[in-house]
Amino acid sequence: MANYLTPILLLIGSNVFMTFAWYGHLKYTDRPLWIVIAVSWGIAFFEYCLQVPANRYGYAVYNPAQLKAIQEIITLCVFFAVSVLYLGAPIRWNHLAGFALIVVAAFLIFLD
């Protein structure tokens, strides 16, 4: 079971870092862009420290398409949480509908 769960936990951690690297600076639009880029790259380093092992370990139990599908679903969940809780952005029905279609696509990838 750990073989299946470890990549997912690592992907969750990596997506938290990446979401903040990509979107966290939106709360600080008064900062110079070059500083935001440098800080984002620093945050992204830690994302890669989790993402690469997640894919390496995950490849032992998931195929590449399944790994990508898992990563996309985790990305959407983390983005949803950061968007609402950290950035205070509303999520509308069309956002949820679009996310749901991506979940359906991921489900289809896992069918044999």
N, C-alpha and C. Protein backbone atom coordinates (compact mmCIF):
# COMPACT_ATOMS: atom_id res chain seq x y z
N MET A 1 0.82 -1.20 0.00
CA MET A 1 0.00 0.00 0.00
C MET A 1 0.86 1.26 0.00
N ALA A 2 1.98 1.20 0.72
CA ALA A 2 2.87 2.36 0.78
C ALA A 2 3.41 2.71 -0.60
N ASN A 3 3.61 1.70 -1.44
CA ASN A 3 4.10 1.96 -2.80
C ASN A 3 3.12 2.82 -3.60
N TYR A 4 1.83 2.66 -3.34
CA TYR A 4 0.81 3.44 -4.04
C TYR A 4 0.60 4.81 -3.39
N LEU A 5 0.76 4.87 -2.08
CA LEU A 5 0.47 6.10 -1.34
C LEU A 5 1.63 7.09 -1.32
N THR A 6 2.85 6.60 -1.25
CA THR A 6 4.02 7.49 -1.17
C THR A 6 4.08 8.49 -2.32
N PRO A 7 3.91 8.06 -3.58
CA PRO A 7 3.95 9.06 -4.66
C PRO A 7 2.85 10.10 -4.54
N ILE A 8 1.69 9.70 -4.07
CA ILE A 8 0.57 10.64 -3.94
C ILE A 8 0.89 11.68 -2.86
N LEU A 9 1.43 11.24 -1.74
CA LEU A 9 1.79 12.19 -0.67
C LEU A 9 2.89 13.15 -1.13
N LEU A 10 3.87 12.62 -1.85
CA LEU A 10 4.92 13.49 -2.37
C LEU A 10 4.37 14.48 -3.39
N LEU A 11 3.44 14.03 -4.22
CA LEU A 11 2.82 14.93 -5.20
C LEU A 11 2.00 16.02 -4.53
N ILE A 12 1.33 15.69 -3.44
CA ILE A 12 0.59 16.71 -2.70
C ILE A 12 1.56 17.78 -2.19
N GLY A 13 2.64 17.34 -1.55
CA GLY A 13 3.63 18.28 -1.06
C GLY A 13 4.23 19.13 -2.17
N SER A 14 4.58 18.50 -3.28
CA SER A 14 5.19 19.25 -4.37
C SER A 14 4.22 20.26 -4.96
N ASN A 15 2.94 19.90 -5.02
CA ASN A 15 1.95 20.83 -5.58
C ASN A 15 1.67 22.01 -4.66
N VAL A 16 1.79 21.81 -3.36
CA VAL A 16 1.65 22.95 -2.45
C VAL A 16 2.76 23.95 -2.73
N PHE A 17 4.01 23.46 -2.83
CA PHE A 17 5.11 24.36 -3.14
C PHE A 17 4.91 25.05 -4.49
N MET A 18 4.54 24.29 -5.51
CA MET A 18 4.43 24.86 -6.85
C MET A 18 3.29 25.87 -6.94
N THR A 19 2.19 25.58 -6.29
CA THR A 19 1.07 26.52 -6.33
C THR A 19 1.46 27.84 -5.70
N PHE A 20 2.20 27.78 -4.59
CA PHE A 20 2.65 29.03 -3.98
C PHE A 20 3.72 29.72 -4.83
N ALA A 21 4.56 28.94 -5.51
CA ALA A 21 5.55 29.54 -6.40
C ALA A 21 4.87 30.27 -7.55
N TRP A 22 3.81 29.71 -8.08
CA TRP A 22 3.14 30.29 -9.25
C TRP A 22 2.13 31.36 -8.88
N TYR A 23 1.42 31.18 -7.76
CA TYR A 23 0.29 32.07 -7.46
C TYR A 23 0.42 32.84 -6.14
N GLY A 24 1.29 32.42 -5.26
CA GLY A 24 1.41 33.06 -3.95
C GLY A 24 1.77 34.53 -4.03
N HIS A 25 2.54 34.90 -5.02
CA HIS A 25 2.98 36.30 -5.16
C HIS A 25 1.85 37.24 -5.56
N LEU A 26 0.71 36.70 -5.95
CA LEU A 26 -0.39 37.57 -6.37
C LEU A 26 -0.93 38.42 -5.22
N LYS A 27 -0.64 38.03 -3.99
CA LYS A 27 -1.01 38.87 -2.85
C LYS A 27 -0.04 40.02 -2.65
N TYR A 28 1.07 39.99 -3.36
CA TYR A 28 2.13 40.99 -3.18
C TYR A 28 2.47 41.67 -4.51
N THR A 29 1.47 42.24 -5.13
CA THR A 29 1.68 42.85 -6.45
C THR A 29 2.49 44.14 -6.37
N ASP A 30 2.76 44.62 -5.18
CA ASP A 30 3.57 45.83 -5.03
C ASP A 30 5.06 45.53 -5.07
N ARG A 31 5.44 44.26 -5.07
CA ARG A 31 6.85 43.88 -5.09
C ARG A 31 7.38 43.89 -6.52
N PRO A 32 8.66 44.24 -6.72
CA PRO A 32 9.25 44.21 -8.06
C PRO A 32 9.20 42.80 -8.66
N LEU A 33 8.97 42.74 -9.93
CA LEU A 33 8.81 41.45 -10.61
C LEU A 33 10.06 40.59 -10.49
N TRP A 34 11.24 41.18 -10.55
CA TRP A 34 12.46 40.37 -10.49
C TRP A 34 12.59 39.67 -9.13
N ILE A 35 12.12 40.31 -8.07
CA ILE A 35 12.15 39.67 -6.74
C ILE A 35 11.15 38.52 -6.70
N VAL A 36 9.98 38.75 -7.25
CA VAL A 36 8.95 37.70 -7.28
C VAL A 36 9.46 36.49 -8.06
N ILE A 37 10.13 36.73 -9.17
CA ILE A 37 10.66 35.63 -9.97
C ILE A 37 11.71 34.86 -9.18
N ALA A 38 12.62 35.56 -8.53
CA ALA A 38 13.66 34.89 -7.76
C ALA A 38 13.08 34.07 -6.61
N VAL A 39 12.12 34.64 -5.89
CA VAL A 39 11.49 33.91 -4.79
C VAL A 39 10.73 32.69 -5.33
N SER A 40 10.04 32.86 -6.44
CA SER A 40 9.29 31.74 -7.04
C SER A 40 10.23 30.61 -7.44
N TRP A 41 11.37 30.94 -8.00
CA TRP A 41 12.35 29.91 -8.36
C TRP A 41 12.85 29.19 -7.12
N GLY A 42 13.07 29.93 -6.05
CA GLY A 42 13.50 29.31 -4.80
C GLY A 42 12.47 28.34 -4.25
N ILE A 43 11.21 28.73 -4.31
CA ILE A 43 10.13 27.85 -3.86
C ILE A 43 10.02 26.63 -4.77
N ALA A 44 10.17 26.86 -6.07
CA ALA A 44 10.05 25.76 -7.04
C ALA A 44 11.14 24.70 -6.84
N PHE A 45 12.29 25.10 -6.32
CA PHE A 45 13.34 24.12 -6.04
C PHE A 45 12.82 23.01 -5.13
N PHE A 46 12.09 23.40 -4.10
CA PHE A 46 11.56 22.41 -3.15
C PHE A 46 10.46 21.56 -3.80
N GLU A 47 9.74 22.17 -4.72
CA GLU A 47 8.74 21.41 -5.48
C GLU A 47 9.42 20.28 -6.25
N TYR A 48 10.52 20.58 -6.90
CA TYR A 48 11.24 19.56 -7.67
C TYR A 48 11.84 18.50 -6.76
N CYS A 49 12.24 18.88 -5.56
CA CYS A 49 12.79 17.91 -4.61
C CYS A 49 11.75 16.87 -4.20
N LEU A 50 10.48 17.19 -4.34
CA LEU A 50 9.41 16.24 -4.04
C LEU A 50 8.85 15.61 -5.32
N GLN A 51 8.76 16.38 -6.38
CA GLN A 51 8.15 15.91 -7.62
C GLN A 51 8.96 14.79 -8.27
N VAL A 52 10.26 14.95 -8.34
CA VAL A 52 11.10 13.95 -9.00
C VAL A 52 11.03 12.60 -8.28
N PRO A 53 11.18 12.56 -6.95
CA PRO A 53 11.02 11.26 -6.28
C PRO A 53 9.60 10.71 -6.40
N ALA A 54 8.60 11.59 -6.40
CA ALA A 54 7.22 11.11 -6.54
C ALA A 54 7.05 10.36 -7.86
N ASN A 55 7.58 10.92 -8.92
CA ASN A 55 7.47 10.26 -10.21
C ASN A 55 8.33 9.00 -10.28
N ARG A 56 9.50 9.04 -9.67
CA ARG A 56 10.38 7.86 -9.68
C ARG A 56 9.72 6.71 -8.93
N TYR A 57 9.22 6.99 -7.72
CA TYR A 57 8.56 5.94 -6.94
C TYR A 57 7.23 5.54 -7.57
N GLY A 58 6.52 6.51 -8.07
CA GLY A 58 5.21 6.23 -8.67
C GLY A 58 5.29 5.38 -9.91
N TYR A 59 6.38 5.52 -10.67
CA TYR A 59 6.53 4.76 -11.91
C TYR A 59 6.62 3.26 -11.65
N ALA A 60 6.93 2.88 -10.42
CA ALA A 60 6.98 1.46 -10.07
C ALA A 60 5.59 0.84 -10.00
N VAL A 61 4.56 1.67 -9.76
CA VAL A 61 3.21 1.13 -9.60
C VAL A 61 2.17 1.76 -10.53
N TYR A 62 2.49 2.91 -11.12
CA TYR A 62 1.58 3.59 -12.04
C TYR A 62 2.26 3.76 -13.38
N ASN A 63 1.47 3.78 -14.46
CA ASN A 63 2.08 4.10 -15.74
C ASN A 63 2.16 5.63 -15.87
N PRO A 64 2.91 6.14 -16.85
CA PRO A 64 3.09 7.60 -16.94
C PRO A 64 1.78 8.37 -17.08
N ALA A 65 0.83 7.86 -17.82
CA ALA A 65 -0.46 8.56 -17.97
C ALA A 65 -1.20 8.63 -16.64
N GLN A 66 -1.14 7.56 -15.87
CA GLN A 66 -1.78 7.56 -14.56
C GLN A 66 -1.10 8.53 -13.61
N LEU A 67 0.22 8.56 -13.64
CA LEU A 67 0.95 9.52 -12.81
C LEU A 67 0.55 10.95 -13.14
N LYS A 68 0.46 11.25 -14.43
CA LYS A 68 0.09 12.61 -14.84
C LYS A 68 -1.34 12.92 -14.42
N ALA A 69 -2.24 11.97 -14.55
CA ALA A 69 -3.63 12.18 -14.14
C ALA A 69 -3.72 12.44 -12.63
N ILE A 70 -3.00 11.66 -11.84
CA ILE A 70 -2.97 11.87 -10.40
C ILE A 70 -2.45 13.28 -10.09
N GLN A 71 -1.37 13.65 -10.76
CA GLN A 71 -0.78 14.96 -10.52
C GLN A 71 -1.75 16.08 -10.87
N GLU A 72 -2.49 15.95 -11.95
CA GLU A 72 -3.43 17.00 -12.35
C GLU A 72 -4.57 17.14 -11.35
N ILE A 73 -5.08 16.03 -10.86
CA ILE A 73 -6.16 16.10 -9.87
C ILE A 73 -5.65 16.74 -8.58
N ILE A 74 -4.46 16.35 -8.15
CA ILE A 74 -3.89 16.96 -6.95
C ILE A 74 -3.67 18.45 -7.17
N THR A 75 -3.16 18.81 -8.35
CA THR A 75 -2.95 20.23 -8.66
C THR A 75 -4.24 21.01 -8.56
N LEU A 76 -5.32 20.48 -9.09
CA LEU A 76 -6.61 21.17 -9.02
C LEU A 76 -7.09 21.32 -7.58
N CYS A 77 -6.95 20.29 -6.79
CA CYS A 77 -7.39 20.36 -5.39
C CYS A 77 -6.57 21.38 -4.61
N VAL A 78 -5.26 21.35 -4.78
CA VAL A 78 -4.40 22.31 -4.07
C VAL A 78 -4.69 23.73 -4.56
N PHE A 79 -4.82 23.89 -5.89
CA PHE A 79 -5.11 25.21 -6.43
C PHE A 79 -6.43 25.74 -5.90
N PHE A 80 -7.44 24.90 -5.87
CA PHE A 80 -8.75 25.28 -5.36
C PHE A 80 -8.61 25.81 -3.93
N ALA A 81 -7.91 25.07 -3.08
CA ALA A 81 -7.74 25.47 -1.68
C ALA A 81 -6.97 26.78 -1.57
N VAL A 82 -5.86 26.91 -2.28
CA VAL A 82 -5.05 28.13 -2.21
C VAL A 82 -5.83 29.31 -2.76
N SER A 83 -6.53 29.10 -3.85
CA SER A 83 -7.29 30.18 -4.49
C SER A 83 -8.35 30.74 -3.55
N VAL A 84 -9.07 29.85 -2.90
CA VAL A 84 -10.16 30.28 -2.02
C VAL A 84 -9.63 30.75 -0.66
N LEU A 85 -8.79 29.94 -0.02
CA LEU A 85 -8.37 30.22 1.35
C LEU A 85 -7.26 31.27 1.46
N TYR A 86 -6.34 31.29 0.51
CA TYR A 86 -5.20 32.21 0.60
C TYR A 86 -5.43 33.48 -0.22
N LEU A 87 -5.92 33.32 -1.43
CA LEU A 87 -6.11 34.48 -2.29
C LEU A 87 -7.50 35.10 -2.16
N GLY A 88 -8.43 34.37 -1.57
CA GLY A 88 -9.78 34.88 -1.39
C GLY A 88 -10.57 35.01 -2.69
N ALA A 89 -10.19 34.22 -3.69
CA ALA A 89 -10.88 34.28 -4.98
C ALA A 89 -12.08 33.35 -4.97
N PRO A 90 -13.20 33.81 -5.48
CA PRO A 90 -14.38 32.94 -5.51
C PRO A 90 -14.25 31.86 -6.59
N ILE A 91 -14.81 30.73 -6.31
CA ILE A 91 -14.89 29.65 -7.30
C ILE A 91 -16.34 29.61 -7.77
N ARG A 92 -16.51 29.70 -9.06
CA ARG A 92 -17.86 29.74 -9.64
C ARG A 92 -18.25 28.38 -10.19
N TRP A 93 -19.50 28.26 -10.58
CA TRP A 93 -20.03 26.99 -11.08
C TRP A 93 -19.26 26.51 -12.30
N ASN A 94 -18.88 27.42 -13.19
CA ASN A 94 -18.18 27.00 -14.41
C ASN A 94 -16.77 26.50 -14.09
N HIS A 95 -16.15 27.03 -13.04
CA HIS A 95 -14.85 26.51 -12.62
C HIS A 95 -15.02 25.07 -12.13
N LEU A 96 -16.03 24.87 -11.30
CA LEU A 96 -16.29 23.52 -10.78
C LEU A 96 -16.63 22.54 -11.90
N ALA A 97 -17.40 22.99 -12.87
CA ALA A 97 -17.76 22.13 -14.00
C ALA A 97 -16.51 21.75 -14.80
N GLY A 98 -15.64 22.72 -15.04
CA GLY A 98 -14.40 22.44 -15.76
C GLY A 98 -13.51 21.48 -14.98
N PHE A 99 -13.37 21.70 -13.68
CA PHE A 99 -12.59 20.79 -12.84
C PHE A 99 -13.19 19.39 -12.87
N ALA A 100 -14.51 19.30 -12.82
CA ALA A 100 -15.18 18.00 -12.84
C ALA A 100 -14.87 17.25 -14.14
N LEU A 101 -14.83 17.95 -15.24
CA LEU A 101 -14.51 17.30 -16.52
C LEU A 101 -13.08 16.77 -16.52
N ILE A 102 -12.19 17.49 -15.88
CA ILE A 102 -10.81 17.00 -15.77
C ILE A 102 -10.75 15.75 -14.90
N VAL A 103 -11.55 15.71 -13.85
CA VAL A 103 -11.62 14.52 -12.99
C VAL A 103 -12.16 13.33 -13.79
N VAL A 104 -13.17 13.57 -14.61
CA VAL A 104 -13.70 12.50 -15.47
C VAL A 104 -12.61 11.99 -16.41
N ALA A 105 -11.84 12.90 -16.99
CA ALA A 105 -10.75 12.51 -17.88
C ALA A 105 -9.74 11.64 -17.13
N ALA A 106 -9.39 12.03 -15.91
CA ALA A 106 -8.44 11.24 -15.11
C ALA A 106 -9.02 9.86 -14.81
N PHE A 107 -10.30 9.80 -14.50
CA PHE A 107 -10.95 8.51 -14.24
C PHE A 107 -10.83 7.60 -15.46
N LEU A 108 -11.05 8.15 -16.63
CA LEU A 108 -10.97 7.36 -17.86
C LEU A 108 -9.56 6.79 -18.09
N ILE A 109 -8.55 7.54 -17.68
CA ILE A 109 -7.17 7.08 -17.85
C ILE A 109 -6.90 5.82 -17.01
N PHE A 110 -7.62 5.67 -15.89
CA PHE A 110 -7.39 4.52 -15.03
C PHE A 110 -8.20 3.29 -15.45
N LEU A 111 -9.09 3.43 -16.40
CA LEU A 111 -9.84 2.25 -16.87
C LEU A 111 -8.94 1.33 -17.67
N ASP A 112 -9.15 0.05 -17.53
CA ASP A 112 -8.38 -0.91 -18.32
C ASP A 112 -9.05 -1.20 -19.63
